[in-house]
């Protein structure tokens, strides 16, 4: 009778660990899907923002060129503005880029489960 209890206990433990492994795989797939979809979303936003910035600066250059009467001066002003924007992003890269990404990933992977 003791041997039967051990077999039953072993089978239940094996079934439990199999279910836990399946749950872990499903959770990993879910979190990976969220991470990849967020990455794809950010990539699309960056592409659209790049086109918008390009057209914005093209319009700015046209306006400055007609106001100044000098196309190369308008281009230099636009480049200077872009360099200032680049320096601002570089100066605040931790607040603008690193911290939001770290917060998103930590919430995604370290969030306590709702059912526990």
PDB file of N, CA and C in Angstrom:
ATOM      1  N   UNK A   1       0.819  -1.195   0.000  1.00  0.00           N
ATOM      2  CA  UNK A   1       0.000   0.000   0.000  1.00  0.00           C
ATOM      3  C   UNK A   1       0.869   1.268   0.000  1.00  0.00           C
ATOM      4  N   UNK A   2       1.984   1.220   0.641  1.00  0.00           N
ATOM      5  CA  UNK A   2       2.888   2.355   0.698  1.00  0.00           C
ATOM      6  C   UNK A   2       3.478   2.656  -0.676  1.00  0.00           C
ATOM      7  N   UNK A   3       3.746   1.597  -1.457  1.00  0.00           N
ATOM      8  CA  UNK A   3       4.299   1.754  -2.800  1.00  0.00           C
ATOM      9  C   UNK A   3       3.298   2.429  -3.726  1.00  0.00           C
ATOM     10  N   UNK A   4       2.038   2.136  -3.568  1.00  0.00           N
ATOM     11  CA  UNK A   4       0.993   2.731  -4.397  1.00  0.00           C
ATOM     12  C   UNK A   4       0.898   4.230  -4.117  1.00  0.00           C
ATOM     13  N   UNK A   5       1.009   4.640  -2.866  1.00  0.00           N
ATOM     14  CA  UNK A   5       0.954   6.055  -2.513  1.00  0.00           C
ATOM     15  C   UNK A   5       2.120   6.820  -3.128  1.00  0.00           C
ATOM     16  N   UNK A   6       3.308   6.214  -3.140  1.00  0.00           N
ATOM     17  CA  UNK A   6       4.473   6.860  -3.732  1.00  0.00           C
ATOM     18  C   UNK A   6       4.310   7.023  -5.236  1.00  0.00           C
ATOM     19  N   UNK A   7       3.754   6.024  -5.899  1.00  0.00           N
ATOM     20  CA  UNK A   7       3.533   6.119  -7.340  1.00  0.00           C
ATOM     21  C   UNK A   7       2.521   7.221  -7.653  1.00  0.00           C
ATOM     22  N   UNK A   8       1.456   7.261  -6.851  1.00  0.00           N
ATOM     23  CA  UNK A   8       0.435   8.284  -7.058  1.00  0.00           C
ATOM     24  C   UNK A   8       1.017   9.682  -6.802  1.00  0.00           C
ATOM     25  N   UNK A   9       1.802   9.814  -5.729  1.00  0.00           N
ATOM     26  CA  UNK A   9       2.439  11.084  -5.413  1.00  0.00           C
ATOM     27  C   UNK A   9       3.405  11.500  -6.523  1.00  0.00           C
ATOM     28  N   UNK A  10       4.187  10.557  -7.029  1.00  0.00           N
ATOM     29  CA  UNK A  10       5.127  10.843  -8.095  1.00  0.00           C
ATOM     30  C   UNK A  10       4.397  11.287  -9.358  1.00  0.00           C
ATOM     31  N   UNK A  11       3.322  10.599  -9.709  1.00  0.00           N
ATOM     32  CA  UNK A  11       2.551  10.966 -10.904  1.00  0.00           C
ATOM     33  C   UNK A  11       1.913  12.343 -10.755  1.00  0.00           C
ATOM     34  N   UNK A  12       1.400  12.655  -9.579  1.00  0.00           N
ATOM     35  CA  UNK A  12       0.817  13.974  -9.340  1.00  0.00           C
ATOM     36  C   UNK A  12       1.879  15.065  -9.400  1.00  0.00           C
ATOM     37  N   UNK A  13       3.051  14.802  -8.831  1.00  0.00           N
ATOM     38  CA  UNK A  13       4.137  15.782  -8.870  1.00  0.00           C
ATOM     39  C   UNK A  13       4.596  16.003 -10.307  1.00  0.00           C
ATOM     40  N   UNK A  14       4.703  14.937 -11.076  1.00  0.00           N
ATOM     41  CA  UNK A  14       5.110  15.065 -12.477  1.00  0.00           C
ATOM     42  C   UNK A  14       4.067  15.868 -13.255  1.00  0.00           C
ATOM     43  N   UNK A  15       2.816  15.610 -13.014  1.00  0.00           N
ATOM     44  CA  UNK A  15       1.738  16.354 -13.685  1.00  0.00           C
ATOM     45  C   UNK A  15       1.777  17.835 -13.283  1.00  0.00           C
ATOM     46  N   UNK A  16       2.000  18.104 -11.997  1.00  0.00           N
ATOM     47  CA  UNK A  16       2.088  19.481 -11.510  1.00  0.00           C
ATOM     48  C   UNK A  16       3.224  20.231 -12.193  1.00  0.00           C
ATOM     49  N   UNK A  17       4.411  19.627 -12.238  1.00  0.00           N
ATOM     50  CA  UNK A  17       5.558  20.300 -12.849  1.00  0.00           C
ATOM     51  C   UNK A  17       5.371  20.464 -14.355  1.00  0.00           C
ATOM     52  N   UNK A  18       4.682  19.533 -14.980  1.00  0.00           N
ATOM     53  CA  UNK A  18       4.384  19.666 -16.402  1.00  0.00           C
ATOM     54  C   UNK A  18       3.449  20.852 -16.639  1.00  0.00           C
ATOM     55  N   UNK A  19       2.440  21.007 -15.810  1.00  0.00           N
ATOM     56  CA  UNK A  19       1.532  22.142 -15.935  1.00  0.00           C
ATOM     57  C   UNK A  19       2.236  23.465 -15.636  1.00  0.00           C
ATOM     58  N   UNK A  20       3.106  23.470 -14.646  1.00  0.00           N
ATOM     59  CA  UNK A  20       3.867  24.676 -14.325  1.00  0.00           C
ATOM     60  C   UNK A  20       4.773  25.065 -15.490  1.00  0.00           C
ATOM     61  N   UNK A  21       5.400  24.094 -16.124  1.00  0.00           N
ATOM     62  CA  UNK A  21       6.261  24.359 -17.268  1.00  0.00           C
ATOM     63  C   UNK A  21       5.437  24.944 -18.422  1.00  0.00           C
ATOM     64  N   UNK A  22       4.256  24.389 -18.674  1.00  0.00           N
ATOM     65  CA  UNK A  22       3.382  24.917 -19.714  1.00  0.00           C
ATOM     66  C   UNK A  22       2.967  26.359 -19.408  1.00  0.00           C
ATOM     67  N   UNK A  23       2.646  26.635 -18.153  1.00  0.00           N
ATOM     68  CA  UNK A  23       2.270  27.981 -17.743  1.00  0.00           C
ATOM     69  C   UNK A  23       3.436  28.954 -17.939  1.00  0.00           C
ATOM     70  N   UNK A  24       4.634  28.520 -17.599  1.00  0.00           N
ATOM     71  CA  UNK A  24       5.813  29.361 -17.772  1.00  0.00           C
ATOM     72  C   UNK A  24       6.050  29.675 -19.246  1.00  0.00           C
ATOM     73  N   UNK A  25       5.891  28.678 -20.097  1.00  0.00           N
ATOM     74  CA  UNK A  25       6.067  28.904 -21.539  1.00  0.00           C
ATOM     75  C   UNK A  25       5.020  29.879 -22.067  1.00  0.00           C
ATOM     76  N   UNK A  26       3.774  29.718 -21.651  1.00  0.00           N
ATOM     77  CA  UNK A  26       2.720  30.628 -22.094  1.00  0.00           C
ATOM     78  C   UNK A  26       2.963  32.059 -21.619  1.00  0.00           C
ATOM     79  N   UNK A  27       3.406  32.203 -20.396  1.00  0.00           N
ATOM     80  CA  UNK A  27       3.701  33.528 -19.862  1.00  0.00           C
ATOM     81  C   UNK A  27       4.852  34.169 -20.625  1.00  0.00           C
ATOM     82  N   UNK A  28       5.886  33.387 -20.914  1.00  0.00           N
ATOM     83  CA  UNK A  28       7.030  33.921 -21.669  1.00  0.00           C
ATOM     84  C   UNK A  28       6.609  34.349 -23.070  1.00  0.00           C
ATOM     85  N   UNK A  29       5.773  33.554 -23.721  1.00  0.00           N
ATOM     86  CA  UNK A  29       5.302  33.900 -25.064  1.00  0.00           C
ATOM     87  C   UNK A  29       4.459  35.170 -25.021  1.00  0.00           C
ATOM     88  N   UNK A  30       3.605  35.283 -24.025  1.00  0.00           N
ATOM     89  CA  UNK A  30       2.768  36.478 -23.898  1.00  0.00           C
ATOM     90  C   UNK A  30       3.623  37.728 -23.718  1.00  0.00           C
ATOM     91  N   UNK A  31       4.606  37.663 -22.840  1.00  0.00           N
ATOM     92  CA  UNK A  31       5.446  38.826 -22.570  1.00  0.00           C
ATOM     93  C   UNK A  31       6.328  39.150 -23.763  1.00  0.00           C
ATOM     94  N   UNK A  32       6.795  38.139 -24.460  1.00  0.00           N
ATOM     95  CA  UNK A  32       7.587  38.372 -25.659  1.00  0.00           C
ATOM     96  C   UNK A  32       6.737  39.017 -26.752  1.00  0.00           C
ATOM     97  N   UNK A  33       5.495  38.608 -26.875  1.00  0.00           N
ATOM     98  CA  UNK A  33       4.592  39.209 -27.860  1.00  0.00           C
ATOM     99  C   UNK A  33       4.343  40.681 -27.532  1.00  0.00           C
ATOM    100  N   UNK A  34       4.154  41.004 -26.270  1.00  0.00           N
ATOM    101  CA  UNK A  34       3.948  42.398 -25.868  1.00  0.00           C
ATOM    102  C   UNK A  34       5.203  43.217 -26.172  1.00  0.00           C
ATOM    103  N   UNK A  35       6.369  42.659 -25.856  1.00  0.00           N
ATOM    104  CA  UNK A  35       7.624  43.354 -26.095  1.00  0.00           C
ATOM    105  C   UNK A  35       7.848  43.587 -27.587  1.00  0.00           C
ATOM    106  N   UNK A  36       7.612  42.581 -28.404  1.00  0.00           N
ATOM    107  CA  UNK A  36       7.806  42.731 -29.848  1.00  0.00           C
ATOM    108  C   UNK A  36       6.792  43.686 -30.471  1.00  0.00           C
ATOM    109  N   UNK A  37       5.557  43.645 -30.008  1.00  0.00           N
ATOM    110  CA  UNK A  37       4.559  44.573 -30.549  1.00  0.00           C
ATOM    111  C   UNK A  37       4.886  46.012 -30.148  1.00  0.00           C
ATOM    112  N   UNK A  38       5.379  46.212 -28.942  1.00  0.00           N
ATOM    113  CA  UNK A  38       5.782  47.564 -28.528  1.00  0.00           C
ATOM    114  C   UNK A  38       6.971  48.041 -29.358  1.00  0.00           C
ATOM    115  N   UNK A  39       7.902  47.148 -29.639  1.00  0.00           N
ATOM    116  CA  UNK A  39       9.052  47.494 -30.465  1.00  0.00           C
ATOM    117  C   UNK A  39       8.612  47.860 -31.882  1.00  0.00           C
ATOM    118  N   UNK A  40       7.699  47.093 -32.442  1.00  0.00           N
ATOM    119  CA  UNK A  40       7.189  47.389 -33.782  1.00  0.00           C
ATOM    120  C   UNK A  40       6.457  48.725 -33.791  1.00  0.00           C
ATOM    121  N   UNK A  41       5.675  48.987 -32.758  1.00  0.00           N
ATOM    122  CA  UNK A  41       4.946  50.256 -32.659  1.00  0.00           C
ATOM    123  C   UNK A  41       5.917  51.429 -32.612  1.00  0.00           C
ATOM    124  N   UNK A  42       6.953  51.317 -31.801  1.00  0.00           N
ATOM    125  CA  UNK A  42       7.942  52.395 -31.694  1.00  0.00           C
ATOM    126  C   UNK A  42       8.658  52.596 -33.029  1.00  0.00           C
ATOM    127  N   UNK A  43       8.972  51.511 -33.727  1.00  0.00           N
ATOM    128  CA  UNK A  43       9.632  51.628 -35.027  1.00  0.00           C
ATOM    129  C   UNK A  43       8.744  52.359 -36.027  1.00  0.00           C
ATOM    130  N   UNK A  44       7.458  52.047 -36.057  1.00  0.00           N
ATOM    131  CA  UNK A  44       6.527  52.724 -36.966  1.00  0.00           C
ATOM    132  C   UNK A  44       6.416  54.201 -36.599  1.00  0.00           C
ATOM    133  N   UNK A  45       6.329  54.501 -35.315  1.00  0.00           N
ATOM    134  CA  UNK A  45       6.233  55.900 -34.877  1.00  0.00           C
ATOM    135  C   UNK A  45       7.498  56.667 -35.271  1.00  0.00           C
ATOM    136  N   UNK A  46       8.659  56.043 -35.105  1.00  0.00           N
ATOM    137  CA  UNK A  46       9.920  56.707 -35.471  1.00  0.00           C
ATOM    138  C   UNK A  46       9.968  56.975 -36.973  1.00  0.00           C
ATOM    139  N   UNK A  47       9.529  56.029 -37.782  1.00  0.00           N
ATOM    140  CA  UNK A  47       9.534  56.214 -39.237  1.00  0.00           C
ATOM    141  C   UNK A  47       8.597  57.353 -39.630  1.00  0.00           C
ATOM    142  N   UNK A  48       7.397  57.363 -39.083  1.00  0.00           N
ATOM    143  CA  UNK A  48       6.434  58.422 -39.408  1.00  0.00           C
ATOM    144  C   UNK A  48       6.943  59.776 -38.914  1.00  0.00           C
ATOM    145  N   UNK A  49       7.514  59.803 -37.708  1.00  0.00           N
ATOM    146  CA  UNK A  49       8.049  61.052 -37.168  1.00  0.00           C
ATOM    147  C   UNK A  49       9.219  61.561 -38.007  1.00  0.00           C
ATOM    148  N   UNK A  50      10.016  60.659 -38.551  1.00  0.00           N
ATOM    149  CA  UNK A  50      11.123  61.063 -39.412  1.00  0.00           C
ATOM    150  C   UNK A  50      10.612  61.742 -40.676  1.00  0.00           C
ATOM    151  N   UNK A  51       9.590  61.152 -41.298  1.00  0.00           N
ATOM    152  CA  UNK A  51       9.000  61.785 -42.481  1.00  0.00           C
ATOM    153  C   UNK A  51       8.384  63.131 -42.133  1.00  0.00           C
ATOM    154  N   UNK A  52       7.684  63.200 -41.021  1.00  0.00           N
ATOM    155  CA  UNK A  52       7.056  64.464 -40.606  1.00  0.00           C
ATOM    156  C   UNK A  52       8.119  65.528 -40.355  1.00  0.00           C
ATOM    157  N   UNK A  53       9.205  65.148 -39.684  1.00  0.00           N
ATOM    158  CA  UNK A  53      10.283  66.100 -39.414  1.00  0.00           C
ATOM    159  C   UNK A  53      10.941  66.550 -40.713  1.00  0.00           C
ATOM    160  N   UNK A  54      11.090  65.631 -41.653  1.00  0.00           N
ATOM    161  CA  UNK A  54      11.673  65.987 -42.945  1.00  0.00           C
ATOM    162  C   UNK A  54      10.809  67.034 -43.654  1.00  0.00           C
ATOM    163  N   UNK A  55       9.500  66.802 -43.720  1.00  0.00           N
ATOM    164  CA  UNK A  55       8.617  67.763 -44.388  1.00  0.00           C
ATOM    165  C   UNK A  55       8.540  69.084 -43.628  1.00  0.00           C
ATOM    166  N   UNK A  56       8.592  69.004 -42.311  1.00  0.00           N
ATOM    167  CA  UNK A  56       8.577  70.225 -41.514  1.00  0.00           C
ATOM    168  C   UNK A  56       9.812  71.070 -41.802  1.00  0.00           C
ATOM    169  N   UNK A  57      10.970  70.437 -41.833  1.00  0.00           N
ATOM    170  CA  UNK A  57      12.190  71.181 -42.103  1.00  0.00           C
ATOM    171  C   UNK A  57      12.276  71.630 -43.559  1.00  0.00           C
ATOM    172  N   UNK A  58      11.688  70.873 -44.474  1.00  0.00           N
ATOM    173  CA  UNK A  58      11.638  71.334 -45.870  1.00  0.00           C
ATOM    174  C   UNK A  58      10.810  72.614 -45.976  1.00  0.00           C
ATOM    175  N   UNK A  59       9.680  72.634 -45.279  1.00  0.00           N
ATOM    176  CA  UNK A  59       8.847  73.837 -45.272  1.00  0.00           C
ATOM    177  C   UNK A  59       9.578  75.006 -44.601  1.00  0.00           C
ATOM    178  N   UNK A  60      10.261  74.726 -43.502  1.00  0.00           N
ATOM    179  CA  UNK A  60      11.008  75.766 -42.802  1.00  0.00           C
ATOM    180  C   UNK A  60      12.105  76.338 -43.691  1.00  0.00           C
ATOM    181  N   UNK A  61      12.796  75.459 -44.405  1.00  0.00           N
ATOM    182  CA  UNK A  61      13.859  75.914 -45.307  1.00  0.00           C
ATOM    183  C   UNK A  61      13.271  76.778 -46.420  1.00  0.00           C
ATOM    184  N   UNK A  62      12.132  76.373 -46.970  1.00  0.00           N
ATOM    185  CA  UNK A  62      11.492  77.179 -48.024  1.00  0.00           C
ATOM    186  C   UNK A  62      11.111  78.562 -47.504  1.00  0.00           C
ATOM    187  N   UNK A  63      10.533  78.606 -46.328  1.00  0.00           N
ATOM    188  CA  UNK A  63      10.124  79.894 -45.740  1.00  0.00           C
ATOM    189  C   UNK A  63      11.342  80.769 -45.466  1.00  0.00           C
ATOM    190  N   UNK A  64      12.389  80.160 -44.859  1.00  0.00           N
ATOM    191  CA  UNK A  64      13.595  80.933 -44.557  1.00  0.00           C
ATOM    192  C   UNK A  64      14.306  81.380 -45.825  1.00  0.00           C
ATOM    193  N   UNK A  65      14.327  80.530 -46.833  1.00  0.00           N
ATOM    194  CA  UNK A  65      15.002  80.894 -48.086  1.00  0.00           C
ATOM    195  C   UNK A  65      14.303  82.062 -48.761  1.00  0.00           C
ATOM    196  N   UNK A  66      12.972  82.053 -48.754  1.00  0.00           N
ATOM    197  CA  UNK A  66      12.252  83.178 -49.368  1.00  0.00           C
ATOM    198  C   UNK A  66      12.388  84.449 -48.521  1.00  0.00           C
ATOM    199  N   UNK A  67      12.452  84.306 -47.208  1.00  0.00           N
ATOM    200  CA  UNK A  67      12.594  85.480 -46.344  1.00  0.00           C
ATOM    201  C   UNK A  67      14.010  86.050 -46.392  1.00  0.00           C
ATOM    202  N   UNK A  68      15.008  85.151 -46.471  1.00  0.00           N
ATOM    203  CA  UNK A  68      16.402  85.593 -46.454  1.00  0.00           C
ATOM    204  C   UNK A  68      16.933  85.874 -47.857  1.00  0.00           C
ATOM    205  N   UNK A  69      16.347  85.233 -48.841  1.00  0.00           N
ATOM    206  CA  UNK A  69      16.862  85.372 -50.195  1.00  0.00           C
ATOM    207  C   UNK A  69      18.115  84.547 -50.401  1.00  0.00           C
ATOM    208  N   UNK A  70      18.363  83.602 -49.516  1.00  0.00           N
ATOM    209  CA  UNK A  70      19.597  82.813 -49.563  1.00  0.00           C
ATOM    210  C   UNK A  70      19.270  81.377 -49.154  1.00  0.00           C
ATOM    211  N   UNK A  71      19.336  80.451 -50.113  1.00  0.00           N
ATOM    212  CA  UNK A  71      18.966  79.060 -49.827  1.00  0.00           C
ATOM    213  C   UNK A  71      19.980  78.381 -48.913  1.00  0.00           C
ATOM    214  N   UNK A  72      21.262  78.637 -49.133  1.00  0.00           N
ATOM    215  CA  UNK A  72      22.257  77.946 -48.316  1.00  0.00           C
ATOM    216  C   UNK A  72      22.205  78.418 -46.861  1.00  0.00           C
ATOM    217  N   UNK A  73      21.859  79.657 -46.625  1.00  0.00           N
ATOM    218  CA  UNK A  73      21.703  80.159 -45.254  1.00  0.00           C
ATOM    219  C   UNK A  73      20.523  79.498 -44.553  1.00  0.00           C
ATOM    220  N   UNK A  74      19.446  79.294 -45.318  1.00  0.00           N
ATOM    221  CA  UNK A  74      18.277  78.616 -44.749  1.00  0.00           C
ATOM    222  C   UNK A  74      18.615  77.171 -44.385  1.00  0.00           C
ATOM    223  N   UNK A  75      19.396  76.532 -45.247  1.00  0.00           N
ATOM    224  CA  UNK A  75      19.824  75.161 -44.940  1.00  0.00           C
ATOM    225  C   UNK A  75      20.728  75.121 -43.704  1.00  0.00           C
ATOM    226  N   UNK A  76      21.612  76.084 -43.585  1.00  0.00           N
ATOM    227  CA  UNK A  76      22.491  76.138 -42.405  1.00  0.00           C
ATOM    228  C   UNK A  76      21.701  76.342 -41.119  1.00  0.00           C
ATOM    229  N   UNK A  77      20.690  77.188 -41.166  1.00  0.00           N
ATOM    230  CA  UNK A  77      19.842  77.403 -39.984  1.00  0.00           C
ATOM    231  C   UNK A  77      19.098  76.116 -39.626  1.00  0.00           C
ATOM    232  N   UNK A  78      18.578  75.423 -40.637  1.00  0.00           N
ATOM    233  CA  UNK A  78      17.870  74.158 -40.380  1.00  0.00           C
ATOM    234  C   UNK A  78      18.807  73.113 -39.788  1.00  0.00           C
ATOM    235  N   UNK A  79      20.026  73.030 -40.305  1.00  0.00           N
ATOM    236  CA  UNK A  79      21.005  72.086 -39.757  1.00  0.00           C
ATOM    237  C   UNK A  79      21.347  72.458 -38.317  1.00  0.00           C
ATOM    238  N   UNK A  80      21.494  73.736 -38.046  1.00  0.00           N
ATOM    239  CA  UNK A  80      21.785  74.179 -36.676  1.00  0.00           C
ATOM    240  C   UNK A  80      20.660  73.789 -35.729  1.00  0.00           C
ATOM    241  N   UNK A  81      19.420  73.954 -36.167  1.00  0.00           N
ATOM    242  CA  UNK A  81      18.280  73.550 -35.333  1.00  0.00           C
ATOM    243  C   UNK A  81      18.283  72.038 -35.085  1.00  0.00           C
ATOM    244  N   UNK A  82      18.589  71.273 -36.126  1.00  0.00           N
ATOM    245  CA  UNK A  82      18.658  69.815 -35.953  1.00  0.00           C
ATOM    246  C   UNK A  82      19.785  69.419 -34.997  1.00  0.00           C
ATOM    247  N   UNK A  83      20.922  70.107 -35.086  1.00  0.00           N
ATOM    248  CA  UNK A  83      22.023  69.811 -34.167  1.00  0.00           C
ATOM    249  C   UNK A  83      21.666  70.158 -32.724  1.00  0.00           C
ATOM    250  N   UNK A  84      20.950  71.261 -32.531  1.00  0.00           N
ATOM    251  CA  UNK A  84      20.479  71.624 -31.181  1.00  0.00           C
ATOM    252  C   UNK A  84      19.520  70.547 -30.666  1.00  0.00           C
ATOM    253  N   UNK A  85      18.616  70.106 -31.533  1.00  0.00           N
ATOM    254  CA  UNK A  85      17.686  69.043 -31.148  1.00  0.00           C
ATOM    255  C   UNK A  85      18.437  67.761 -30.788  1.00  0.00           C
ATOM    256  N   UNK A  86      19.451  67.434 -31.575  1.00  0.00           N
ATOM    257  CA  UNK A  86      20.272  66.256 -31.292  1.00  0.00           C
ATOM    258  C   UNK A  86      20.997  66.390 -29.955  1.00  0.00           C
ATOM    259  N   UNK A  87      21.538  67.565 -29.673  1.00  0.00           N
ATOM    260  CA  UNK A  87      22.231  67.790 -28.402  1.00  0.00           C
ATOM    261  C   UNK A  87      21.273  67.690 -27.214  1.00  0.00           C
ATOM    262  N   UNK A  88      20.052  68.195 -27.380  1.00  0.00           N
ATOM    263  CA  UNK A  88      19.054  68.096 -26.300  1.00  0.00           C
ATOM    264  C   UNK A  88      18.706  66.632 -26.039  1.00  0.00           C
ATOM    265  N   UNK A  89      18.487  65.876 -27.104  1.00  0.00           N
ATOM    266  CA  UNK A  89      18.177  64.451 -26.938  1.00  0.00           C
ATOM    267  C   UNK A  89      19.357  63.728 -26.298  1.00  0.00           C
ATOM    268  N   UNK A  90      20.563  64.046 -26.721  1.00  0.00           N
ATOM    269  CA  UNK A  90      21.748  63.409 -26.145  1.00  0.00           C
ATOM    270  C   UNK A  90      21.925  63.791 -24.674  1.00  0.00           C
ATOM    271  N   UNK A  91      21.670  65.041 -24.348  1.00  0.00           N
ATOM    272  CA  UNK A  91      21.829  65.495 -22.960  1.00  0.00           C
ATOM    273  C   UNK A  91      20.799  64.851 -22.034  1.00  0.00           C
ATOM    274  N   UNK A  92      19.601  64.614 -22.546  1.00  0.00           N
ATOM    275  CA  UNK A  92      18.541  64.041 -21.725  1.00  0.00           C
ATOM    276  C   UNK A  92      18.207  62.606 -22.139  1.00  0.00           C
ATOM    277  N   UNK A  93      19.204  61.878 -22.643  1.00  0.00           N
ATOM    278  CA  UNK A  93      18.937  60.526 -23.147  1.00  0.00           C
ATOM    279  C   UNK A  93      18.455  59.589 -22.046  1.00  0.00           C
ATOM    280  N   UNK A  94      18.951  59.771 -20.841  1.00  0.00           N
ATOM    281  CA  UNK A  94      18.524  58.895 -19.753  1.00  0.00           C
ATOM    282  C   UNK A  94      17.043  59.113 -19.433  1.00  0.00           C
ATOM    283  N   UNK A  95      16.634  60.372 -19.340  1.00  0.00           N
ATOM    284  CA  UNK A  95      15.238  60.673 -19.030  1.00  0.00           C
ATOM    285  C   UNK A  95      14.304  60.386 -20.205  1.00  0.00           C
ATOM    286  N   UNK A  96      14.778  60.594 -21.426  1.00  0.00           N
ATOM    287  CA  UNK A  96      13.918  60.449 -22.603  1.00  0.00           C
ATOM    288  C   UNK A  96      13.886  59.039 -23.179  1.00  0.00           C
ATOM    289  N   UNK A  97      14.989  58.298 -23.033  1.00  0.00           N
ATOM    290  CA  UNK A  97      15.083  57.004 -23.704  1.00  0.00           C
ATOM    291  C   UNK A  97      15.301  55.855 -22.728  1.00  0.00           C
ATOM    292  N   UNK A  98      16.347  55.940 -21.931  1.00  0.00           N
ATOM    293  CA  UNK A  98      16.748  54.808 -21.082  1.00  0.00           C
ATOM    294  C   UNK A  98      15.710  54.507 -20.004  1.00  0.00           C
ATOM    295  N   UNK A  99      15.304  55.513 -19.244  1.00  0.00           N
ATOM    296  CA  UNK A  99      14.358  55.278 -18.148  1.00  0.00           C
ATOM    297  C   UNK A  99      12.998  54.748 -18.620  1.00  0.00           C
ATOM    298  N   UNK A 100      12.385  55.312 -19.667  1.00  0.00           N
ATOM    299  CA  UNK A 100      11.104  54.743 -20.114  1.00  0.00           C
ATOM    300  C   UNK A 100      11.218  53.292 -20.585  1.00  0.00           C
ATOM    301  N   UNK A 101      12.295  52.966 -21.281  1.00  0.00           N
ATOM    302  CA  UNK A 101      12.472  51.578 -21.730  1.00  0.00           C
ATOM    303  C   UNK A 101      12.678  50.660 -20.537  1.00  0.00           C
ATOM    304  N   UNK A 102      13.510  51.073 -19.598  1.00  0.00           N
ATOM    305  CA  UNK A 102      13.745  50.253 -18.410  1.00  0.00           C
ATOM    306  C   UNK A 102      12.471  50.067 -17.597  1.00  0.00           C
ATOM    307  N   UNK A 103      11.678  51.137 -17.477  1.00  0.00           N
ATOM    308  CA  UNK A 103      10.412  51.037 -16.746  1.00  0.00           C
ATOM    309  C   UNK A 103       9.456  50.073 -17.436  1.00  0.00           C
ATOM    310  N   UNK A 104       9.352  50.164 -18.765  1.00  0.00           N
ATOM    311  CA  UNK A 104       8.453  49.293 -19.516  1.00  0.00           C
ATOM    312  C   UNK A 104       8.861  47.830 -19.376  1.00  0.00           C
ATOM    313  N   UNK A 105      10.143  47.550 -19.549  1.00  0.00           N
ATOM    314  CA  UNK A 105      10.607  46.159 -19.478  1.00  0.00           C
ATOM    315  C   UNK A 105      10.487  45.619 -18.060  1.00  0.00           C
ATOM    316  N   UNK A 106      10.802  46.437 -17.062  1.00  0.00           N
ATOM    317  CA  UNK A 106      10.694  45.946 -15.685  1.00  0.00           C
ATOM    318  C   UNK A 106       9.245  45.693 -15.294  1.00  0.00           C
ATOM    319  N   UNK A 107       8.319  46.558 -15.734  1.00  0.00           N
ATOM    320  CA  UNK A 107       6.900  46.310 -15.455  1.00  0.00           C
ATOM    321  C   UNK A 107       6.411  45.067 -16.178  1.00  0.00           C
ATOM    322  N   UNK A 108       6.931  44.861 -17.378  1.00  0.00           N
ATOM    323  CA  UNK A 108       6.498  43.716 -18.172  1.00  0.00           C
ATOM    324  C   UNK A 108       6.960  42.401 -17.561  1.00  0.00           C
ATOM    325  N   UNK A 109       8.224  42.337 -17.156  1.00  0.00           N
ATOM    326  CA  UNK A 109       8.775  41.070 -16.689  1.00  0.00           C
ATOM    327  C   UNK A 109       8.739  40.887 -15.178  1.00  0.00           C
ATOM    328  N   UNK A 110       8.674  41.967 -14.414  1.00  0.00           N
ATOM    329  CA  UNK A 110       8.712  41.848 -12.959  1.00  0.00           C
ATOM    330  C   UNK A 110       7.371  42.121 -12.295  1.00  0.00           C
ATOM    331  N   UNK A 111       6.335  42.339 -13.097  1.00  0.00           N
ATOM    332  CA  UNK A 111       5.002  42.611 -12.560  1.00  0.00           C
ATOM    333  C   UNK A 111       4.479  41.367 -11.847  1.00  0.00           C
ATOM    334  N   UNK A 112       3.968  41.507 -10.619  1.00  0.00           N
ATOM    335  CA  UNK A 112       3.399  40.342  -9.955  1.00  0.00           C
ATOM    336  C   UNK A 112       2.154  39.847 -10.717  1.00  0.00           C
ATOM    337  N   UNK A 113       1.997  38.569 -10.741  1.00  0.00           N
ATOM    338  CA  UNK A 113       0.864  37.980 -11.454  1.00  0.00           C
ATOM    339  C   UNK A 113      -0.432  38.320 -10.742  1.00  0.00           C
ATOM    340  N   UNK A 114      -1.508  38.489 -11.505  1.00  0.00           N
ATOM    341  CA  UNK A 114      -2.808  38.879 -10.946  1.00  0.00           C
ATOM    342  C   UNK A 114      -3.440  37.763 -10.135  1.00  0.00           C
ATOM    343  N   UNK A 115      -3.174  36.518 -10.503  1.00  0.00           N
ATOM    344  CA  UNK A 115      -3.852  35.386  -9.845  1.00  0.00           C
ATOM    345  C   UNK A 115      -3.093  34.849  -8.644  1.00  0.00           C
ATOM    346  N   UNK A 116      -1.989  35.440  -8.301  1.00  0.00           N
ATOM    347  CA  UNK A 116      -1.254  34.937  -7.136  1.00  0.00           C
ATOM    348  C   UNK A 116      -1.528  35.777  -5.920  1.00  0.00           C
TER     349      UNK A 116
END
